[in-house]
Amino acid sequence: MVVFDSESWESHLLPPSATVIADIIAELSDGGPVSSMRLKQVLRDEYELDPDSSAIGDFLGMLNEIGMLSE
């Protein structure tokens, strides 16, 4: 999956495992960035993932940097 950052005009190639989280963000989005707090809650409660793990935390940080998540 490729994500385009319209602010910097950069494209980001996501690894296959990250596509699941990107799909969840797309479901939660109402046309704007999803709050990182809301995403973490959904990952924990509905998908039983640990959003505080280093791998997921690093990925969420990258998504925040490219504007897919808000604080």
N, C-alpha and C. Protein backbone atom coordinates (compact mmCIF):
# COMPACT_ATOMS: atom_id res chain seq x y z
N MET A 1 0.85 -1.17 0.00
CA MET A 1 0.00 0.00 0.00
C MET A 1 0.90 1.23 0.00
N VAL A 2 0.51 2.21 -0.80
CA VAL A 2 1.24 3.47 -0.88
C VAL A 2 0.36 4.56 -0.29
N VAL A 3 0.96 5.38 0.57
CA VAL A 3 0.26 6.51 1.19
C VAL A 3 0.91 7.79 0.68
N PHE A 4 0.09 8.71 0.22
CA PHE A 4 0.59 9.98 -0.31
C PHE A 4 0.38 11.08 0.72
N ASP A 5 1.45 11.81 1.04
CA ASP A 5 1.40 12.94 1.96
C ASP A 5 1.23 14.21 1.13
N SER A 6 0.03 14.76 1.13
CA SER A 6 -0.25 15.92 0.28
C SER A 6 0.45 17.20 0.74
N GLU A 7 0.91 17.24 1.98
CA GLU A 7 1.62 18.44 2.45
C GLU A 7 3.04 18.48 1.93
N SER A 8 3.73 17.33 1.94
CA SER A 8 5.12 17.30 1.49
C SER A 8 5.27 16.75 0.07
N TRP A 9 4.18 16.27 -0.50
CA TRP A 9 4.17 15.66 -1.83
C TRP A 9 5.07 14.43 -1.89
N GLU A 10 5.16 13.71 -0.78
CA GLU A 10 5.95 12.48 -0.73
C GLU A 10 5.02 11.28 -0.70
N SER A 11 5.48 10.19 -1.28
CA SER A 11 4.75 8.92 -1.21
C SER A 11 5.50 8.01 -0.25
N HIS A 12 4.75 7.22 0.51
CA HIS A 12 5.34 6.31 1.48
C HIS A 12 4.81 4.91 1.20
N LEU A 13 5.72 3.96 1.00
CA LEU A 13 5.36 2.58 0.77
C LEU A 13 5.25 1.87 2.11
N LEU A 14 4.05 1.38 2.43
CA LEU A 14 3.83 0.71 3.70
C LEU A 14 4.10 -0.78 3.56
N PRO A 15 4.72 -1.39 4.58
CA PRO A 15 4.90 -2.84 4.54
C PRO A 15 3.54 -3.53 4.67
N PRO A 16 3.43 -4.77 4.19
CA PRO A 16 2.14 -5.47 4.23
C PRO A 16 1.49 -5.51 5.61
N SER A 17 2.28 -5.71 6.65
CA SER A 17 1.70 -5.79 8.00
C SER A 17 1.09 -4.45 8.43
N ALA A 18 1.59 -3.36 7.91
CA ALA A 18 1.08 -2.04 8.26
C ALA A 18 -0.22 -1.71 7.53
N THR A 19 -0.49 -2.43 6.47
CA THR A 19 -1.70 -2.18 5.69
C THR A 19 -2.95 -2.39 6.53
N VAL A 20 -2.91 -3.34 7.45
CA VAL A 20 -4.06 -3.60 8.32
C VAL A 20 -4.38 -2.36 9.14
N ILE A 21 -3.37 -1.74 9.73
CA ILE A 21 -3.60 -0.54 10.53
C ILE A 21 -4.06 0.61 9.65
N ALA A 22 -3.50 0.73 8.46
CA ALA A 22 -3.94 1.79 7.54
C ALA A 22 -5.40 1.60 7.15
N ASP A 23 -5.82 0.34 6.98
CA ASP A 23 -7.24 0.07 6.67
C ASP A 23 -8.14 0.45 7.84
N ILE A 24 -7.69 0.19 9.06
CA ILE A 24 -8.47 0.56 10.25
C ILE A 24 -8.61 2.08 10.31
N ILE A 25 -7.52 2.79 10.02
CA ILE A 25 -7.57 4.25 10.02
C ILE A 25 -8.57 4.74 8.98
N ALA A 26 -8.56 4.13 7.81
CA ALA A 26 -9.49 4.53 6.75
C ALA A 26 -10.94 4.33 7.19
N GLU A 27 -11.20 3.25 7.93
CA GLU A 27 -12.56 3.00 8.44
C GLU A 27 -12.98 4.04 9.47
N LEU A 28 -12.03 4.48 10.30
CA LEU A 28 -12.33 5.43 11.37
C LEU A 28 -12.38 6.88 10.89
N SER A 29 -11.74 7.14 9.76
CA SER A 29 -11.62 8.51 9.27
C SER A 29 -12.94 9.04 8.74
N ASP A 30 -13.19 10.30 9.04
CA ASP A 30 -14.38 10.97 8.49
C ASP A 30 -13.93 12.10 7.56
N GLY A 31 -12.86 11.86 6.84
CA GLY A 31 -12.34 12.85 5.92
C GLY A 31 -11.14 13.61 6.46
N GLY A 32 -10.81 13.40 7.72
CA GLY A 32 -9.66 14.06 8.33
C GLY A 32 -8.83 13.06 9.09
N PRO A 33 -7.75 13.51 9.70
CA PRO A 33 -6.91 12.60 10.47
C PRO A 33 -7.65 12.00 11.66
N VAL A 34 -7.34 10.77 11.97
CA VAL A 34 -7.89 10.06 13.13
C VAL A 34 -7.00 10.39 14.32
N SER A 35 -7.59 10.56 15.50
CA SER A 35 -6.76 10.83 16.67
C SER A 35 -6.01 9.56 17.06
N SER A 36 -4.75 9.75 17.45
CA SER A 36 -3.95 8.59 17.84
C SER A 36 -4.55 7.90 19.06
N MET A 37 -5.18 8.66 19.94
CA MET A 37 -5.82 8.07 21.12
C MET A 37 -6.96 7.14 20.71
N ARG A 38 -7.79 7.58 19.77
CA ARG A 38 -8.91 6.76 19.28
C ARG A 38 -8.39 5.50 18.60
N LEU A 39 -7.38 5.63 17.76
CA LEU A 39 -6.82 4.48 17.07
C LEU A 39 -6.24 3.48 18.06
N LYS A 40 -5.51 3.96 19.05
CA LYS A 40 -4.94 3.06 20.05
C LYS A 40 -6.02 2.30 20.80
N GLN A 41 -7.11 2.99 21.12
CA GLN A 41 -8.23 2.35 21.81
C GLN A 41 -8.83 1.23 20.95
N VAL A 42 -9.04 1.51 19.67
CA VAL A 42 -9.61 0.51 18.76
C VAL A 42 -8.66 -0.66 18.58
N LEU A 43 -7.37 -0.38 18.41
CA LEU A 43 -6.39 -1.46 18.26
C LEU A 43 -6.39 -2.37 19.49
N ARG A 44 -6.47 -1.77 20.66
CA ARG A 44 -6.44 -2.53 21.91
C ARG A 44 -7.75 -3.29 22.13
N ASP A 45 -8.89 -2.60 22.01
CA ASP A 45 -10.18 -3.19 22.37
C ASP A 45 -10.75 -4.13 21.32
N GLU A 46 -10.66 -3.75 20.06
CA GLU A 46 -11.31 -4.54 19.01
C GLU A 46 -10.38 -5.54 18.32
N TYR A 47 -9.08 -5.25 18.30
CA TYR A 47 -8.15 -6.12 17.58
C TYR A 47 -7.14 -6.81 18.50
N GLU A 48 -7.19 -6.50 19.79
CA GLU A 48 -6.31 -7.09 20.79
C GLU A 48 -4.83 -6.94 20.43
N LEU A 49 -4.49 -5.78 19.88
CA LEU A 49 -3.11 -5.44 19.58
C LEU A 49 -2.59 -4.49 20.64
N ASP A 50 -1.29 -4.50 20.87
CA ASP A 50 -0.68 -3.62 21.86
C ASP A 50 -0.12 -2.38 21.15
N PRO A 51 -0.85 -1.27 21.18
CA PRO A 51 -0.38 -0.07 20.48
C PRO A 51 0.86 0.55 21.13
N ASP A 52 1.21 0.09 22.33
CA ASP A 52 2.38 0.63 23.01
C ASP A 52 3.63 -0.20 22.74
N SER A 53 3.50 -1.28 21.95
CA SER A 53 4.69 -2.06 21.60
C SER A 53 5.59 -1.19 20.72
N SER A 54 6.86 -1.50 20.71
CA SER A 54 7.79 -0.64 19.96
C SER A 54 7.48 -0.64 18.46
N ALA A 55 7.14 -1.78 17.89
CA ALA A 55 6.88 -1.84 16.45
C ALA A 55 5.65 -1.02 16.07
N ILE A 56 4.55 -1.21 16.78
CA ILE A 56 3.33 -0.47 16.46
C ILE A 56 3.50 1.00 16.83
N GLY A 57 4.14 1.27 17.95
CA GLY A 57 4.38 2.65 18.37
C GLY A 57 5.20 3.43 17.35
N ASP A 58 6.25 2.79 16.82
CA ASP A 58 7.07 3.45 15.79
C ASP A 58 6.26 3.73 14.54
N PHE A 59 5.44 2.76 14.16
CA PHE A 59 4.61 2.92 12.96
C PHE A 59 3.59 4.04 13.15
N LEU A 60 2.96 4.09 14.32
CA LEU A 60 1.99 5.15 14.60
C LEU A 60 2.67 6.52 14.60
N GLY A 61 3.90 6.58 15.09
CA GLY A 61 4.66 7.83 15.06
C GLY A 61 4.91 8.29 13.63
N MET A 62 5.23 7.34 12.74
CA MET A 62 5.45 7.68 11.34
C MET A 62 4.15 8.18 10.71
N LEU A 63 3.03 7.52 11.03
CA LEU A 63 1.74 7.95 10.49
C LEU A 63 1.37 9.35 10.99
N ASN A 64 1.74 9.64 12.22
CA ASN A 64 1.50 10.98 12.77
C ASN A 64 2.33 12.01 12.00
N GLU A 65 3.58 11.68 11.70
CA GLU A 65 4.46 12.60 10.97
C GLU A 65 3.94 12.92 9.58
N ILE A 66 3.31 11.95 8.92
CA ILE A 66 2.84 12.20 7.55
C ILE A 66 1.39 12.69 7.53
N GLY A 67 0.81 12.92 8.70
CA GLY A 67 -0.50 13.55 8.76
C GLY A 67 -1.70 12.63 8.75
N MET A 68 -1.48 11.32 8.90
CA MET A 68 -2.62 10.39 8.93
C MET A 68 -3.25 10.31 10.31
N LEU A 69 -2.52 10.74 11.33
CA LEU A 69 -3.03 10.73 12.71
C LEU A 69 -2.89 12.12 13.30
N SER A 70 -3.76 12.44 14.22
CA SER A 70 -3.62 13.68 14.98
C SER A 70 -3.32 13.31 16.42
N GLU A 71 -2.81 14.24 17.16
CA GLU A 71 -2.45 13.99 18.56
C GLU A 71 -3.65 13.71 19.41
